[in-house]
Amino acid sequence: MTDNIVSGEKFWLRIIYIVSIVITLAVAFLILGPRPDGMEGMLDVSALPHLNALLNSTCTVLLLAGLWFIKRKQIQRHKKTMLTAFGVSVLFLVSYVIYHWFKAGPKMYVGDFSSIYYFILLTHIVLAMIIIPLALITLFRGWNMQIAKHKKIARITYPIWLYVSVTGVVIYLMLY
């Protein structure tokens, strides 16, 4: 029985890593890669940065609520809240991809705090790439009631996910 669990977990971990790499490469391509002629402006995506900030803010609140629930041993509320936070993050990613597909390149920062902005942006980007597999593994282990493993990785995942959510809002505020 234990061998089946280990081999099943290995299978899902491979899937998680593959999905994480594909998502990261797809997002990088959408931001930096070429687009077919006529894509920019084909769809009005001007409201999506505002939606993305709202989704990041919502995710932040959900992450804080999830921590609140688990600290009070409210496991079912914790599960529902964390799954909702993950769903909101997925919606953010979809919106972000749509925005960058129909708009050429990233918005340039024009404020007075460029070194602060670029530090936040760089750490946000790197940690956003890292959070994809971490969040998926954390959710997988929680879903499968691997409590000890879930707690161990959640201690790493949670602050990174929270940082990415908060800095997403900070980047928005600095750009808009």
N, C-alpha and C. Protein backbone atom coordinates (compact mmCIF):
# COMPACT_ATOMS: atom_id res chain seq x y z
N MET A 1 0.82 -1.20 0.00
CA MET A 1 0.00 0.00 0.00
C MET A 1 0.87 1.26 0.00
N THR A 2 1.90 1.29 0.82
CA THR A 2 2.79 2.45 0.90
C THR A 2 3.50 2.69 -0.42
N ASP A 3 3.89 1.59 -1.12
CA ASP A 3 4.55 1.74 -2.41
C ASP A 3 3.63 2.40 -3.43
N ASN A 4 2.32 2.06 -3.39
CA ASN A 4 1.36 2.69 -4.30
C ASN A 4 1.23 4.18 -4.02
N ILE A 5 1.23 4.55 -2.75
CA ILE A 5 1.14 5.97 -2.39
C ILE A 5 2.38 6.70 -2.87
N VAL A 6 3.54 6.13 -2.65
CA VAL A 6 4.79 6.77 -3.06
C VAL A 6 4.86 6.89 -4.58
N SER A 7 4.52 5.81 -5.30
CA SER A 7 4.58 5.88 -6.76
C SER A 7 3.51 6.82 -7.30
N GLY A 8 2.32 6.84 -6.68
CA GLY A 8 1.27 7.77 -7.07
C GLY A 8 1.68 9.21 -6.84
N GLU A 9 2.34 9.45 -5.72
CA GLU A 9 2.81 10.80 -5.43
C GLU A 9 3.90 11.22 -6.41
N LYS A 10 4.79 10.30 -6.74
CA LYS A 10 5.85 10.61 -7.71
C LYS A 10 5.24 10.99 -9.06
N PHE A 11 4.22 10.26 -9.47
CA PHE A 11 3.53 10.56 -10.73
C PHE A 11 2.98 11.98 -10.70
N TRP A 12 2.24 12.32 -9.63
CA TRP A 12 1.62 13.64 -9.55
C TRP A 12 2.65 14.75 -9.39
N LEU A 13 3.73 14.48 -8.70
CA LEU A 13 4.80 15.48 -8.60
C LEU A 13 5.40 15.76 -9.97
N ARG A 14 5.59 14.73 -10.78
CA ARG A 14 6.09 14.94 -12.15
C ARG A 14 5.12 15.80 -12.95
N ILE A 15 3.83 15.50 -12.82
CA ILE A 15 2.81 16.28 -13.53
C ILE A 15 2.85 17.74 -13.06
N ILE A 16 2.96 17.94 -11.76
CA ILE A 16 3.02 19.30 -11.21
C ILE A 16 4.22 20.05 -11.76
N TYR A 17 5.38 19.41 -11.81
CA TYR A 17 6.57 20.07 -12.33
C TYR A 17 6.43 20.39 -13.81
N ILE A 18 5.87 19.47 -14.58
CA ILE A 18 5.67 19.71 -16.01
C ILE A 18 4.71 20.87 -16.24
N VAL A 19 3.58 20.85 -15.53
CA VAL A 19 2.59 21.92 -15.65
C VAL A 19 3.21 23.26 -15.25
N SER A 20 4.00 23.27 -14.19
CA SER A 20 4.64 24.51 -13.72
C SER A 20 5.60 25.07 -14.76
N ILE A 21 6.38 24.20 -15.38
CA ILE A 21 7.33 24.65 -16.42
C ILE A 21 6.57 25.18 -17.63
N VAL A 22 5.53 24.47 -18.05
CA VAL A 22 4.74 24.90 -19.21
C VAL A 22 4.10 26.27 -18.95
N ILE A 23 3.52 26.45 -17.78
CA ILE A 23 2.89 27.73 -17.45
C ILE A 23 3.93 28.85 -17.44
N THR A 24 5.07 28.61 -16.80
CA THR A 24 6.12 29.63 -16.74
C THR A 24 6.61 30.00 -18.13
N LEU A 25 6.87 29.02 -18.97
CA LEU A 25 7.34 29.30 -20.34
C LEU A 25 6.27 30.01 -21.17
N ALA A 26 5.02 29.60 -21.01
CA ALA A 26 3.93 30.24 -21.75
C ALA A 26 3.78 31.71 -21.36
N VAL A 27 3.84 31.99 -20.07
CA VAL A 27 3.73 33.38 -19.61
C VAL A 27 4.92 34.20 -20.11
N ALA A 28 6.12 33.64 -20.03
CA ALA A 28 7.31 34.35 -20.53
C ALA A 28 7.18 34.64 -22.02
N PHE A 29 6.71 33.66 -22.78
CA PHE A 29 6.53 33.86 -24.22
C PHE A 29 5.50 34.94 -24.49
N LEU A 30 4.39 34.92 -23.75
CA LEU A 30 3.33 35.91 -23.98
C LEU A 30 3.79 37.33 -23.68
N ILE A 31 4.68 37.46 -22.72
CA ILE A 31 5.16 38.80 -22.37
C ILE A 31 6.28 39.24 -23.31
N LEU A 32 7.20 38.34 -23.60
CA LEU A 32 8.41 38.71 -24.33
C LEU A 32 8.41 38.31 -25.80
N GLY A 33 7.59 37.34 -26.15
CA GLY A 33 7.64 36.79 -27.50
C GLY A 33 6.86 37.60 -28.52
N PRO A 34 7.01 37.23 -29.78
CA PRO A 34 6.29 37.93 -30.86
C PRO A 34 4.81 37.54 -30.86
N ARG A 35 4.00 38.45 -31.38
CA ARG A 35 2.57 38.19 -31.53
C ARG A 35 2.23 38.24 -33.01
N PRO A 36 1.17 37.53 -33.37
CA PRO A 36 0.71 37.68 -34.76
C PRO A 36 0.30 39.12 -35.02
N ASP A 37 0.48 39.57 -36.23
CA ASP A 37 0.08 40.94 -36.58
C ASP A 37 -1.40 41.15 -36.29
N GLY A 38 -1.68 42.32 -35.74
CA GLY A 38 -3.06 42.70 -35.49
C GLY A 38 -3.62 42.29 -34.14
N MET A 39 -2.83 41.60 -33.32
CA MET A 39 -3.34 41.15 -32.01
C MET A 39 -3.52 42.32 -31.05
N GLU A 40 -2.53 43.22 -31.04
CA GLU A 40 -2.63 44.34 -30.11
C GLU A 40 -3.81 45.22 -30.52
N GLY A 41 -4.68 45.48 -29.58
CA GLY A 41 -5.84 46.32 -29.83
C GLY A 41 -7.04 45.56 -30.38
N MET A 42 -6.88 44.29 -30.68
CA MET A 42 -7.98 43.49 -31.21
C MET A 42 -9.10 43.35 -30.17
N LEU A 43 -8.71 43.34 -28.91
CA LEU A 43 -9.64 43.22 -27.80
C LEU A 43 -9.26 44.28 -26.77
N ASP A 44 -10.26 45.00 -26.26
CA ASP A 44 -9.97 46.01 -25.24
C ASP A 44 -9.70 45.32 -23.91
N VAL A 45 -8.44 45.34 -23.50
CA VAL A 45 -8.03 44.70 -22.26
C VAL A 45 -7.63 45.73 -21.20
N SER A 46 -8.00 46.97 -21.42
CA SER A 46 -7.55 48.05 -20.53
C SER A 46 -8.05 47.90 -19.09
N ALA A 47 -9.14 47.20 -18.88
CA ALA A 47 -9.67 47.02 -17.51
C ALA A 47 -8.99 45.86 -16.78
N LEU A 48 -8.27 45.00 -17.49
CA LEU A 48 -7.72 43.81 -16.86
C LEU A 48 -6.67 44.09 -15.79
N PRO A 49 -5.80 45.10 -15.92
CA PRO A 49 -4.88 45.36 -14.80
C PRO A 49 -5.63 45.68 -13.50
N HIS A 50 -6.76 46.37 -13.61
CA HIS A 50 -7.55 46.69 -12.42
C HIS A 50 -8.18 45.41 -11.84
N LEU A 51 -8.67 44.55 -12.74
CA LEU A 51 -9.22 43.26 -12.30
C LEU A 51 -8.12 42.43 -11.65
N ASN A 52 -6.93 42.43 -12.24
CA ASN A 52 -5.82 41.65 -11.69
C ASN A 52 -5.45 42.13 -10.29
N ALA A 53 -5.45 43.43 -10.08
CA ALA A 53 -5.16 43.97 -8.75
C ALA A 53 -6.24 43.54 -7.75
N LEU A 54 -7.48 43.55 -8.19
CA LEU A 54 -8.58 43.11 -7.34
C LEU A 54 -8.44 41.61 -7.01
N LEU A 55 -8.06 40.81 -8.00
CA LEU A 55 -7.87 39.38 -7.76
C LEU A 55 -6.70 39.14 -6.81
N ASN A 56 -5.61 39.88 -6.98
CA ASN A 56 -4.47 39.74 -6.06
C ASN A 56 -4.85 40.17 -4.64
N SER A 57 -5.62 41.24 -4.53
CA SER A 57 -6.08 41.70 -3.22
C SER A 57 -6.98 40.65 -2.57
N THR A 58 -7.87 40.10 -3.35
CA THR A 58 -8.77 39.06 -2.86
C THR A 58 -7.98 37.84 -2.40
N CYS A 59 -6.98 37.45 -3.19
CA CYS A 59 -6.14 36.31 -2.82
C CYS A 59 -5.42 36.59 -1.50
N THR A 60 -4.93 37.80 -1.32
CA THR A 60 -4.24 38.17 -0.08
C THR A 60 -5.17 37.99 1.12
N VAL A 61 -6.38 38.50 1.00
CA VAL A 61 -7.36 38.39 2.09
C VAL A 61 -7.68 36.91 2.36
N LEU A 62 -7.84 36.13 1.30
CA LEU A 62 -8.13 34.70 1.46
C LEU A 62 -6.97 33.97 2.13
N LEU A 63 -5.74 34.30 1.74
CA LEU A 63 -4.58 33.67 2.37
C LEU A 63 -4.52 33.99 3.86
N LEU A 64 -4.78 35.24 4.21
CA LEU A 64 -4.79 35.62 5.62
C LEU A 64 -5.91 34.90 6.37
N ALA A 65 -7.08 34.80 5.74
CA ALA A 65 -8.20 34.09 6.37
C ALA A 65 -7.87 32.60 6.52
N GLY A 66 -7.23 32.02 5.52
CA GLY A 66 -6.84 30.61 5.60
C GLY A 66 -5.92 30.34 6.76
N LEU A 67 -4.96 31.25 6.97
CA LEU A 67 -4.06 31.12 8.12
C LEU A 67 -4.85 31.25 9.42
N TRP A 68 -5.75 32.20 9.48
CA TRP A 68 -6.59 32.41 10.65
C TRP A 68 -7.36 31.13 10.98
N PHE A 69 -7.97 30.51 9.97
CA PHE A 69 -8.75 29.30 10.20
C PHE A 69 -7.89 28.14 10.68
N ILE A 70 -6.76 27.94 10.09
CA ILE A 70 -5.95 26.78 10.48
C ILE A 70 -5.36 26.98 11.88
N LYS A 71 -5.04 28.21 12.23
CA LYS A 71 -4.54 28.47 13.59
C LYS A 71 -5.60 28.17 14.64
N ARG A 72 -6.87 28.23 14.23
CA ARG A 72 -7.98 27.95 15.15
C ARG A 72 -8.54 26.54 14.94
N LYS A 73 -7.76 25.71 14.21
CA LYS A 73 -8.12 24.30 13.97
C LYS A 73 -9.45 24.14 13.23
N GLN A 74 -9.83 25.14 12.44
CA GLN A 74 -11.04 25.08 11.62
C GLN A 74 -10.63 24.55 10.23
N ILE A 75 -10.39 23.26 10.18
CA ILE A 75 -9.77 22.63 9.01
C ILE A 75 -10.64 22.75 7.76
N GLN A 76 -11.93 22.51 7.86
CA GLN A 76 -12.79 22.59 6.68
C GLN A 76 -12.85 24.02 6.12
N ARG A 77 -12.92 25.00 6.99
CA ARG A 77 -12.90 26.40 6.52
C ARG A 77 -11.54 26.73 5.89
N HIS A 78 -10.48 26.21 6.49
CA HIS A 78 -9.14 26.41 5.94
C HIS A 78 -9.06 25.83 4.53
N LYS A 79 -9.52 24.60 4.37
CA LYS A 79 -9.48 23.94 3.06
C LYS A 79 -10.25 24.75 2.02
N LYS A 80 -11.48 25.11 2.35
CA LYS A 80 -12.32 25.86 1.40
C LYS A 80 -11.69 27.20 1.05
N THR A 81 -11.14 27.87 2.05
CA THR A 81 -10.53 29.18 1.83
C THR A 81 -9.28 29.07 0.96
N MET A 82 -8.46 28.08 1.23
CA MET A 82 -7.22 27.93 0.46
C MET A 82 -7.52 27.49 -0.97
N LEU A 83 -8.53 26.63 -1.16
CA LEU A 83 -8.93 26.25 -2.52
C LEU A 83 -9.50 27.47 -3.26
N THR A 84 -10.22 28.31 -2.56
CA THR A 84 -10.74 29.54 -3.17
C THR A 84 -9.59 30.47 -3.53
N ALA A 85 -8.60 30.59 -2.65
CA ALA A 85 -7.42 31.42 -2.95
C ALA A 85 -6.71 30.89 -4.19
N PHE A 86 -6.60 29.58 -4.31
CA PHE A 86 -5.99 28.99 -5.49
C PHE A 86 -6.82 29.29 -6.74
N GLY A 87 -8.14 29.16 -6.62
CA GLY A 87 -9.02 29.48 -7.75
C GLY A 87 -8.89 30.93 -8.18
N VAL A 88 -8.81 31.84 -7.22
CA VAL A 88 -8.63 33.26 -7.52
C VAL A 88 -7.28 33.48 -8.21
N SER A 89 -6.26 32.76 -7.77
CA SER A 89 -4.94 32.86 -8.41
C SER A 89 -4.98 32.36 -9.84
N VAL A 90 -5.73 31.30 -10.08
CA VAL A 90 -5.88 30.78 -11.45
C VAL A 90 -6.61 31.81 -12.31
N LEU A 91 -7.68 32.42 -11.78
CA LEU A 91 -8.38 33.48 -12.51
C LEU A 91 -7.43 34.63 -12.83
N PHE A 92 -6.60 35.00 -11.86
CA PHE A 92 -5.61 36.05 -12.10
C PHE A 92 -4.71 35.65 -13.27
N LEU A 93 -4.21 34.43 -13.24
CA LEU A 93 -3.29 33.98 -14.29
C LEU A 93 -3.95 34.02 -15.66
N VAL A 94 -5.20 33.58 -15.75
CA VAL A 94 -5.93 33.62 -17.02
C VAL A 94 -6.09 35.06 -17.50
N SER A 95 -6.49 35.95 -16.60
CA SER A 95 -6.66 37.36 -16.94
C SER A 95 -5.33 37.99 -17.36
N TYR A 96 -4.28 37.65 -16.65
CA TYR A 96 -2.94 38.16 -16.95
C TYR A 96 -2.47 37.72 -18.33
N VAL A 97 -2.70 36.45 -18.65
CA VAL A 97 -2.31 35.91 -19.95
C VAL A 97 -3.11 36.60 -21.06
N ILE A 98 -4.42 36.75 -20.87
CA ILE A 98 -5.25 37.43 -21.87
C ILE A 98 -4.76 38.85 -22.08
N TYR A 99 -4.48 39.56 -20.99
CA TYR A 99 -4.01 40.94 -21.08
C TYR A 99 -2.73 41.02 -21.91
N HIS A 100 -1.78 40.16 -21.61
CA HIS A 100 -0.49 40.24 -22.30
C HIS A 100 -0.55 39.68 -23.72
N TRP A 101 -1.52 38.87 -24.03
CA TRP A 101 -1.66 38.39 -25.40
C TRP A 101 -2.18 39.50 -26.31
N PHE A 102 -3.08 40.32 -25.79
CA PHE A 102 -3.70 41.36 -26.60
C PHE A 102 -3.06 42.74 -26.42
N LYS A 103 -2.03 42.82 -25.60
CA LYS A 103 -1.30 44.08 -25.41
C LYS A 103 0.18 43.77 -25.58
N ALA A 104 0.85 44.59 -26.35
CA ALA A 104 2.27 44.33 -26.62
C ALA A 104 3.14 44.77 -25.46
N GLY A 105 3.89 43.83 -24.91
CA GLY A 105 4.91 44.15 -23.91
C GLY A 105 4.38 44.62 -22.58
N PRO A 106 5.26 44.65 -21.59
CA PRO A 106 4.86 45.12 -20.25
C PRO A 106 4.79 46.64 -20.20
N LYS A 107 4.00 47.15 -19.26
CA LYS A 107 3.90 48.61 -19.04
C LYS A 107 5.19 49.07 -18.36
N MET A 108 5.72 50.17 -18.82
CA MET A 108 6.96 50.70 -18.26
C MET A 108 6.69 51.55 -17.02
N TYR A 109 7.57 51.44 -16.06
CA TYR A 109 7.47 52.25 -14.84
C TYR A 109 8.06 53.63 -15.12
N VAL A 110 7.34 54.68 -14.72
CA VAL A 110 7.80 56.06 -14.97
C VAL A 110 7.87 56.88 -13.68
N GLY A 111 7.83 56.24 -12.54
CA GLY A 111 7.84 56.95 -11.26
C GLY A 111 9.24 57.30 -10.78
N ASP A 112 9.30 57.83 -9.58
CA ASP A 112 10.55 58.31 -8.98
C ASP A 112 11.30 57.24 -8.19
N PHE A 113 10.72 56.09 -8.02
CA PHE A 113 11.32 55.07 -7.16
C PHE A 113 11.69 53.83 -7.98
N SER A 114 12.42 54.04 -9.05
CA SER A 114 12.68 52.93 -9.98
C SER A 114 13.46 51.79 -9.34
N SER A 115 14.43 52.09 -8.49
CA SER A 115 15.20 50.99 -7.89
C SER A 115 14.30 50.14 -6.97
N ILE A 116 13.41 50.78 -6.24
CA ILE A 116 12.47 50.04 -5.39
C ILE A 116 11.51 49.24 -6.26
N TYR A 117 10.97 49.90 -7.29
CA TYR A 117 10.03 49.23 -8.19
C TYR A 117 10.65 47.99 -8.82
N TYR A 118 11.86 48.13 -9.37
CA TYR A 118 12.47 47.00 -10.06
C TYR A 118 12.90 45.89 -9.10
N PHE A 119 13.24 46.24 -7.88
CA PHE A 119 13.52 45.20 -6.88
C PHE A 119 12.25 44.41 -6.58
N ILE A 120 11.15 45.13 -6.35
CA ILE A 120 9.87 44.47 -6.08
C ILE A 120 9.46 43.63 -7.28
N LEU A 121 9.57 44.20 -8.48
CA LEU A 121 9.18 43.48 -9.70
C LEU A 121 10.01 42.22 -9.89
N LEU A 122 11.31 42.32 -9.74
CA LEU A 122 12.19 41.16 -9.94
C LEU A 122 11.87 40.06 -8.93
N THR A 123 11.76 40.41 -7.66
CA THR A 123 11.46 39.39 -6.65
C THR A 123 10.06 38.81 -6.88
N HIS A 124 9.12 39.65 -7.30
CA HIS A 124 7.77 39.19 -7.59
C HIS A 124 7.79 38.16 -8.72
N ILE A 125 8.50 38.46 -9.80
CA ILE A 125 8.55 37.56 -10.95
C ILE A 125 9.19 36.23 -10.58
N VAL A 126 10.33 36.28 -9.93
CA VAL A 126 11.04 35.05 -9.56
C VAL A 126 10.18 34.20 -8.63
N LEU A 127 9.60 34.83 -7.62
CA LEU A 127 8.79 34.08 -6.66
C LEU A 127 7.47 33.61 -7.26
N ALA A 128 6.93 34.35 -8.24
CA ALA A 128 5.71 33.91 -8.92
C ALA A 128 5.98 32.62 -9.70
N MET A 129 7.16 32.49 -10.26
CA MET A 129 7.52 31.25 -10.95
C MET A 129 7.66 30.11 -9.95
N ILE A 130 8.25 30.40 -8.82
CA ILE A 130 8.47 29.38 -7.79
C ILE A 130 7.16 28.95 -7.13
N ILE A 131 6.22 29.88 -7.00
CA ILE A 131 4.99 29.57 -6.27
C ILE A 131 4.11 28.59 -7.02
N ILE A 132 4.24 28.50 -8.32
CA ILE A 132 3.38 27.59 -9.07
C ILE A 132 3.54 26.15 -8.58
N PRO A 133 4.75 25.57 -8.64
CA PRO A 133 4.85 24.19 -8.14
C PRO A 133 4.64 24.09 -6.63
N LEU A 134 5.10 25.09 -5.88
CA LEU A 134 4.92 25.03 -4.43
C LEU A 134 3.44 24.98 -4.04
N ALA A 135 2.64 25.85 -4.64
CA ALA A 135 1.20 25.87 -4.32
C ALA A 135 0.54 24.57 -4.74
N LEU A 136 0.89 24.07 -5.92
CA LEU A 136 0.29 22.82 -6.39
C LEU A 136 0.66 21.64 -5.48
N ILE A 137 1.91 21.57 -5.07
CA ILE A 137 2.34 20.48 -4.18
C ILE A 137 1.67 20.62 -2.81
N THR A 138 1.61 21.83 -2.31
CA THR A 138 0.97 22.07 -1.01
C THR A 138 -0.50 21.66 -1.04
N LEU A 139 -1.20 22.07 -2.11
CA LEU A 139 -2.61 21.69 -2.25
C LEU A 139 -2.76 20.19 -2.42
N PHE A 140 -1.89 19.58 -3.20
CA PHE A 140 -1.93 18.13 -3.41
C PHE A 140 -1.80 17.39 -2.08
N ARG A 141 -0.83 17.81 -1.29
CA ARG A 141 -0.60 17.12 -0.01
C ARG A 141 -1.71 17.37 0.99
N GLY A 142 -2.27 18.57 0.98
CA GLY A 142 -3.41 18.84 1.85
C GLY A 142 -4.64 18.06 1.41
N TRP A 143 -4.89 18.03 0.11
CA TRP A 143 -6.03 17.32 -0.45
C TRP A 143 -5.97 15.84 -0.10
N ASN A 144 -4.75 15.28 -0.14
CA ASN A 144 -4.56 13.86 0.14
C ASN A 144 -4.30 13.57 1.62
N MET A 145 -4.52 14.57 2.45
CA MET A 145 -4.40 14.44 3.90
C MET A 145 -3.02 13.94 4.34
N GLN A 146 -2.00 14.35 3.63
CA GLN A 146 -0.61 14.09 4.05
C GLN A 146 -0.21 15.25 4.94
N ILE A 147 -0.78 15.28 6.12
CA ILE A 147 -0.72 16.44 7.00
C ILE A 147 0.71 16.87 7.33
N ALA A 148 1.57 15.95 7.71
CA ALA A 148 2.95 16.32 8.07
C ALA A 148 3.67 16.94 6.88
N LYS A 149 3.54 16.31 5.71
CA LYS A 149 4.19 16.85 4.50
C LYS A 149 3.56 18.18 4.10
N HIS A 150 2.24 18.27 4.25
CA HIS A 150 1.53 19.51 3.91
C HIS A 150 2.01 20.67 4.78
N LYS A 151 2.08 20.44 6.08
CA LYS A 151 2.53 21.48 7.00
C LYS A 151 3.96 21.92 6.68
N LYS A 152 4.81 20.95 6.39
CA LYS A 152 6.22 21.25 6.12
C LYS A 152 6.37 22.16 4.90
N ILE A 153 5.68 21.84 3.80
CA ILE A 153 5.82 22.65 2.60
C ILE A 153 5.00 23.94 2.70
N ALA A 154 3.89 23.90 3.44
CA ALA A 154 3.06 25.11 3.59
C ALA A 154 3.82 26.22 4.30
N ARG A 155 4.73 25.84 5.18
CA ARG A 155 5.54 26.86 5.87
C ARG A 155 6.45 27.61 4.90
N ILE A 156 6.75 27.01 3.78
CA ILE A 156 7.54 27.66 2.72
C ILE A 156 6.61 28.35 1.73
N THR A 157 5.56 27.64 1.33
CA THR A 157 4.64 28.14 0.31
C THR A 157 3.91 29.39 0.76
N TYR A 158 3.37 29.36 1.96
CA TYR A 158 2.50 30.44 2.43
C TYR A 158 3.14 31.83 2.34
N PRO A 159 4.32 32.04 2.94
CA PRO A 159 4.87 33.40 2.87
C PRO A 159 5.23 33.83 1.45
N ILE A 160 5.63 32.88 0.62
CA ILE A 160 5.95 33.23 -0.78
C ILE A 160 4.68 33.61 -1.52
N TRP A 161 3.63 32.82 -1.36
CA TRP A 161 2.36 33.10 -2.03
C TRP A 161 1.80 34.44 -1.55
N LEU A 162 1.88 34.70 -0.26
CA LEU A 162 1.41 35.97 0.29
C LEU A 162 2.23 37.13 -0.28
N TYR A 163 3.55 36.97 -0.35
CA TYR A 163 4.42 38.01 -0.91
C TYR A 163 4.07 38.30 -2.36
N VAL A 164 3.87 37.24 -3.14
CA VAL A 164 3.53 37.42 -4.56
C VAL A 164 2.19 38.15 -4.70
N SER A 165 1.22 37.79 -3.89
CA SER A 165 -0.09 38.45 -3.95
C SER A 165 0.01 39.93 -3.57
N VAL A 166 0.69 40.21 -2.47
CA VAL A 166 0.82 41.59 -2.00
C VAL A 166 1.64 42.42 -2.99
N THR A 167 2.76 41.89 -3.44
CA THR A 167 3.59 42.67 -4.37
C THR A 167 2.91 42.86 -5.72
N GLY A 168 2.02 41.94 -6.09
CA GLY A 168 1.22 42.16 -7.30
C GLY A 168 0.40 43.44 -7.20
N VAL A 169 -0.19 43.65 -6.04
CA VAL A 169 -0.97 44.88 -5.80
C VAL A 169 -0.04 46.09 -5.75
N VAL A 170 1.10 45.95 -5.09
CA VAL A 170 2.05 47.07 -4.99
C VAL A 170 2.53 47.47 -6.39
N ILE A 171 2.85 46.51 -7.22
CA ILE A 171 3.29 46.81 -8.61
C ILE A 171 2.19 47.53 -9.35
N TYR A 172 0.96 47.07 -9.21
CA TYR A 172 -0.18 47.75 -9.84
C TYR A 172 -0.27 49.21 -9.38
N LEU A 173 -0.18 49.41 -8.07
CA LEU A 173 -0.29 50.79 -7.53
C LEU A 173 0.86 51.66 -8.04
N MET A 174 2.03 51.09 -8.20
CA MET A 174 3.18 51.88 -8.69
C MET A 174 3.06 52.18 -10.19
N LEU A 175 2.38 51.31 -10.93
CA LEU A 175 2.23 51.51 -12.38
C LEU A 175 1.02 52.38 -12.73
N TYR A 176 -0.03 52.29 -11.93
CA TYR A 176 -1.27 52.98 -12.27
C TYR A 176 -1.59 54.00 -11.22
